[in-house]
Amino acid sequence: LLDVNLPGLDGHDVCRQLKSDPATSNIPVIFLSAKTSLQEKIRGFELGAEDYLVKSLEADLLKAKISRTIQQYQEKRKLDEKIQEAQTVAFEALSSSADLG
């Protein structure tokens, strides 16, 4: 969760840094802000946030949004692993067929 209004580095800057670093680019970001303009929300999504929530919201809604974001993140990681495995199998098959002539 990132608040847009943070002292020093604001939430946009933190999100930009997270998303630009390959080691942290997959970390899901949810903005939580008192800023309600459409431009502000769009900016959050353009920076790579998964969601943009406006203060003040009910605790149960916040928990549901966080749970759903975590679930999506875990599903994406599993899919990424399956893609990597499929690519490895494909490269091994190509290599084996090349060895056979």
C-alpha atoms as a PDB file:
ATOM      1  CA  LEU A   1       0.000   0.000   0.000  1.00  0.00           C
ATOM      2  CA  LEU A   2       1.342   3.391  -0.950  1.00  0.00           C
ATOM      3  CA  ASP A   3      -0.069   6.728  -0.003  1.00  0.00           C
ATOM      4  CA  VAL A   4       0.351   9.258  -2.790  1.00  0.00           C
ATOM      5  CA  ASN A   5       1.291  11.942  -0.250  1.00  0.00           C
ATOM      6  CA  LEU A   6       4.409  10.739   1.523  1.00  0.00           C
ATOM      7  CA  PRO A   7       7.079  12.987   3.028  1.00  0.00           C
ATOM      8  CA  GLY A   8      10.148  13.299   0.815  1.00  0.00           C
ATOM      9  CA  LEU A   9       9.682  10.676  -1.866  1.00  0.00           C
ATOM     10  CA  ASP A  10       5.985  10.563  -2.763  1.00  0.00           C
ATOM     11  CA  GLY A  11       4.056   7.394  -3.544  1.00  0.00           C
ATOM     12  CA  HIS A  12       4.392   7.961  -7.286  1.00  0.00           C
ATOM     13  CA  ASP A  13       8.188   8.072  -6.987  1.00  0.00           C
ATOM     14  CA  VAL A  14       8.268   4.925  -4.860  1.00  0.00           C
ATOM     15  CA  CYS A  15       6.031   3.093  -7.343  1.00  0.00           C
ATOM     16  CA  ARG A  16       8.148   4.269 -10.278  1.00  0.00           C
ATOM     17  CA  GLN A  17      11.303   2.965  -8.565  1.00  0.00           C
ATOM     18  CA  LEU A  18       9.694  -0.376  -7.690  1.00  0.00           C
ATOM     19  CA  LYS A  19       8.388  -0.935 -11.216  1.00  0.00           C
ATOM     20  CA  SER A  20      11.669   0.081 -12.896  1.00  0.00           C
ATOM     21  CA  ASP A  21      13.811  -2.419 -10.963  1.00  0.00           C
ATOM     22  CA  PRO A  22      13.584  -6.008 -12.290  1.00  0.00           C
ATOM     23  CA  ALA A  23      14.019  -7.355  -8.742  1.00  0.00           C
ATOM     24  CA  THR A  24      10.901  -5.511  -7.504  1.00  0.00           C
ATOM     25  CA  SER A  25       8.876  -4.836 -10.649  1.00  0.00           C
ATOM     26  CA  ASN A  26       6.403  -7.651  -9.917  1.00  0.00           C
ATOM     27  CA  ILE A  27       5.507  -6.385  -6.447  1.00  0.00           C
ATOM     28  CA  PRO A  28       1.851  -5.375  -6.547  1.00  0.00           C
ATOM     29  CA  VAL A  29       1.153  -1.751  -5.639  1.00  0.00           C
ATOM     30  CA  ILE A  30      -2.127  -0.349  -4.385  1.00  0.00           C
ATOM     31  CA  PHE A  31      -2.370   3.412  -4.005  1.00  0.00           C
ATOM     32  CA  LEU A  32      -4.376   4.722  -1.078  1.00  0.00           C
ATOM     33  CA  SER A  33      -5.022   8.440  -1.303  1.00  0.00           C
ATOM     34  CA  ALA A  34      -7.333  11.299  -0.466  1.00  0.00           C
ATOM     35  CA  LYS A  35      -6.829  12.570  -4.020  1.00  0.00           C
ATOM     36  CA  THR A  36      -9.939  11.676  -5.991  1.00  0.00           C
ATOM     37  CA  SER A  37      -9.419  13.194  -9.438  1.00  0.00           C
ATOM     38  CA  LEU A  38      -9.604  10.975 -12.497  1.00  0.00           C
ATOM     39  CA  GLN A  39      -6.175  12.256 -13.608  1.00  0.00           C
ATOM     40  CA  GLU A  40      -4.676  11.180 -10.292  1.00  0.00           C
ATOM     41  CA  LYS A  41      -6.166   7.691 -10.561  1.00  0.00           C
ATOM     42  CA  ILE A  42      -5.028   7.298 -14.167  1.00  0.00           C
ATOM     43  CA  ARG A  43      -1.512   8.394 -13.201  1.00  0.00           C
ATOM     44  CA  GLY A  44      -1.410   5.635 -10.583  1.00  0.00           C
ATOM     45  CA  PHE A  45      -2.383   3.000 -13.128  1.00  0.00           C
ATOM     46  CA  GLU A  46       0.088   4.382 -15.691  1.00  0.00           C
ATOM     47  CA  LEU A  47       2.840   3.939 -13.101  1.00  0.00           C
ATOM     48  CA  GLY A  48       1.889   0.270 -12.819  1.00  0.00           C
ATOM     49  CA  ALA A  49      -0.361   0.170  -9.756  1.00  0.00           C
ATOM     50  CA  GLU A  50      -2.843  -2.676  -9.530  1.00  0.00           C
ATOM     51  CA  ASP A  51      -5.451  -0.521  -7.823  1.00  0.00           C
ATOM     52  CA  TYR A  52      -6.158   3.004  -6.606  1.00  0.00           C
ATOM     53  CA  LEU A  53      -8.325   3.372  -3.523  1.00  0.00           C
ATOM     54  CA  VAL A  54      -9.701   6.609  -2.145  1.00  0.00           C
ATOM     55  CA  LYS A  55      -9.613   7.343   1.578  1.00  0.00           C
ATOM     56  CA  SER A  56     -11.697   6.789   3.626  1.00  0.00           C
ATOM     57  CA  LEU A  57     -12.901   3.344   2.807  1.00  0.00           C
ATOM     58  CA  GLU A  58     -14.230   0.525   4.906  1.00  0.00           C
ATOM     59  CA  ALA A  59     -11.667  -1.809   6.437  1.00  0.00           C
ATOM     60  CA  ASP A  60     -13.433  -4.871   4.993  1.00  0.00           C
ATOM     61  CA  LEU A  61     -13.221  -3.464   1.467  1.00  0.00           C
ATOM     62  CA  LEU A  62      -9.521  -2.714   1.923  1.00  0.00           C
ATOM     63  CA  LYS A  63      -8.898  -6.269   3.170  1.00  0.00           C
ATOM     64  CA  ALA A  64     -10.814  -7.716   0.203  1.00  0.00           C
ATOM     65  CA  LYS A  65      -8.863  -5.622  -2.292  1.00  0.00           C
ATOM     66  CA  ILE A  66      -5.548  -6.610  -0.706  1.00  0.00           C
ATOM     67  CA  SER A  67      -6.516 -10.306  -0.646  1.00  0.00           C
ATOM     68  CA  ARG A  68      -7.550 -10.214  -4.302  1.00  0.00           C
ATOM     69  CA  THR A  69      -4.338  -8.453  -5.319  1.00  0.00           C
ATOM     70  CA  ILE A  70      -2.232 -11.027  -3.470  1.00  0.00           C
ATOM     71  CA  GLN A  71      -4.189 -13.856  -5.114  1.00  0.00           C
ATOM     72  CA  GLN A  72      -3.619 -12.362  -8.574  1.00  0.00           C
ATOM     73  CA  TYR A  73       0.079 -11.911  -7.807  1.00  0.00           C
ATOM     74  CA  GLN A  74       0.429 -15.558  -6.756  1.00  0.00           C
ATOM     75  CA  GLU A  75      -1.445 -16.771  -9.852  1.00  0.00           C
ATOM     76  CA  LYS A  76       0.820 -14.684 -12.082  1.00  0.00           C
ATOM     77  CA  ARG A  77       3.931 -16.128 -10.432  1.00  0.00           C
ATOM     78  CA  LYS A  78       2.649 -19.678 -11.030  1.00  0.00           C
ATOM     79  CA  LEU A  79       1.945 -18.875 -14.672  1.00  0.00           C
ATOM     80  CA  ASP A  80       5.397 -17.338 -15.079  1.00  0.00           C
ATOM     81  CA  GLU A  81       6.944 -20.523 -13.663  1.00  0.00           C
ATOM     82  CA  LYS A  82       4.933 -22.671 -16.090  1.00  0.00           C
ATOM     83  CA  ILE A  83       6.023 -20.489 -19.004  1.00  0.00           C
ATOM     84  CA  GLN A  84       9.653 -20.839 -17.943  1.00  0.00           C
ATOM     85  CA  GLU A  85       9.282 -24.634 -17.682  1.00  0.00           C
ATOM     86  CA  ALA A  86       7.634 -24.814 -21.120  1.00  0.00           C
ATOM     87  CA  GLN A  87      10.427 -22.743 -22.653  1.00  0.00           C
ATOM     88  CA  THR A  88      13.044 -25.015 -21.102  1.00  0.00           C
ATOM     89  CA  VAL A  89      11.324 -28.123 -22.487  1.00  0.00           C
ATOM     90  CA  ALA A  90      11.002 -26.512 -25.916  1.00  0.00           C
ATOM     91  CA  PHE A  91      14.689 -25.550 -26.033  1.00  0.00           C
ATOM     92  CA  GLU A  92      15.706 -29.040 -24.908  1.00  0.00           C
ATOM     93  CA  ALA A  93      13.513 -30.582 -27.616  1.00  0.00           C
ATOM     94  CA  LEU A  94      15.000 -28.309 -30.265  1.00  0.00           C
ATOM     95  CA  SER A  95      18.490 -29.126 -29.094  1.00  0.00           C
ATOM     96  CA  SER A  96      17.771 -32.864 -29.140  1.00  0.00           C
ATOM     97  CA  SER A  97      16.260 -32.742 -32.616  1.00  0.00           C
ATOM     98  CA  ALA A  98      19.251 -30.785 -33.885  1.00  0.00           C
ATOM     99  CA  ASP A  99      21.576 -33.444 -32.465  1.00  0.00           C
ATOM    100  CA  LEU A 100      19.622 -36.133 -34.338  1.00  0.00           C
ATOM    101  CA  GLY A 101      20.031 -34.238 -37.554  1.00  0.00           C
END
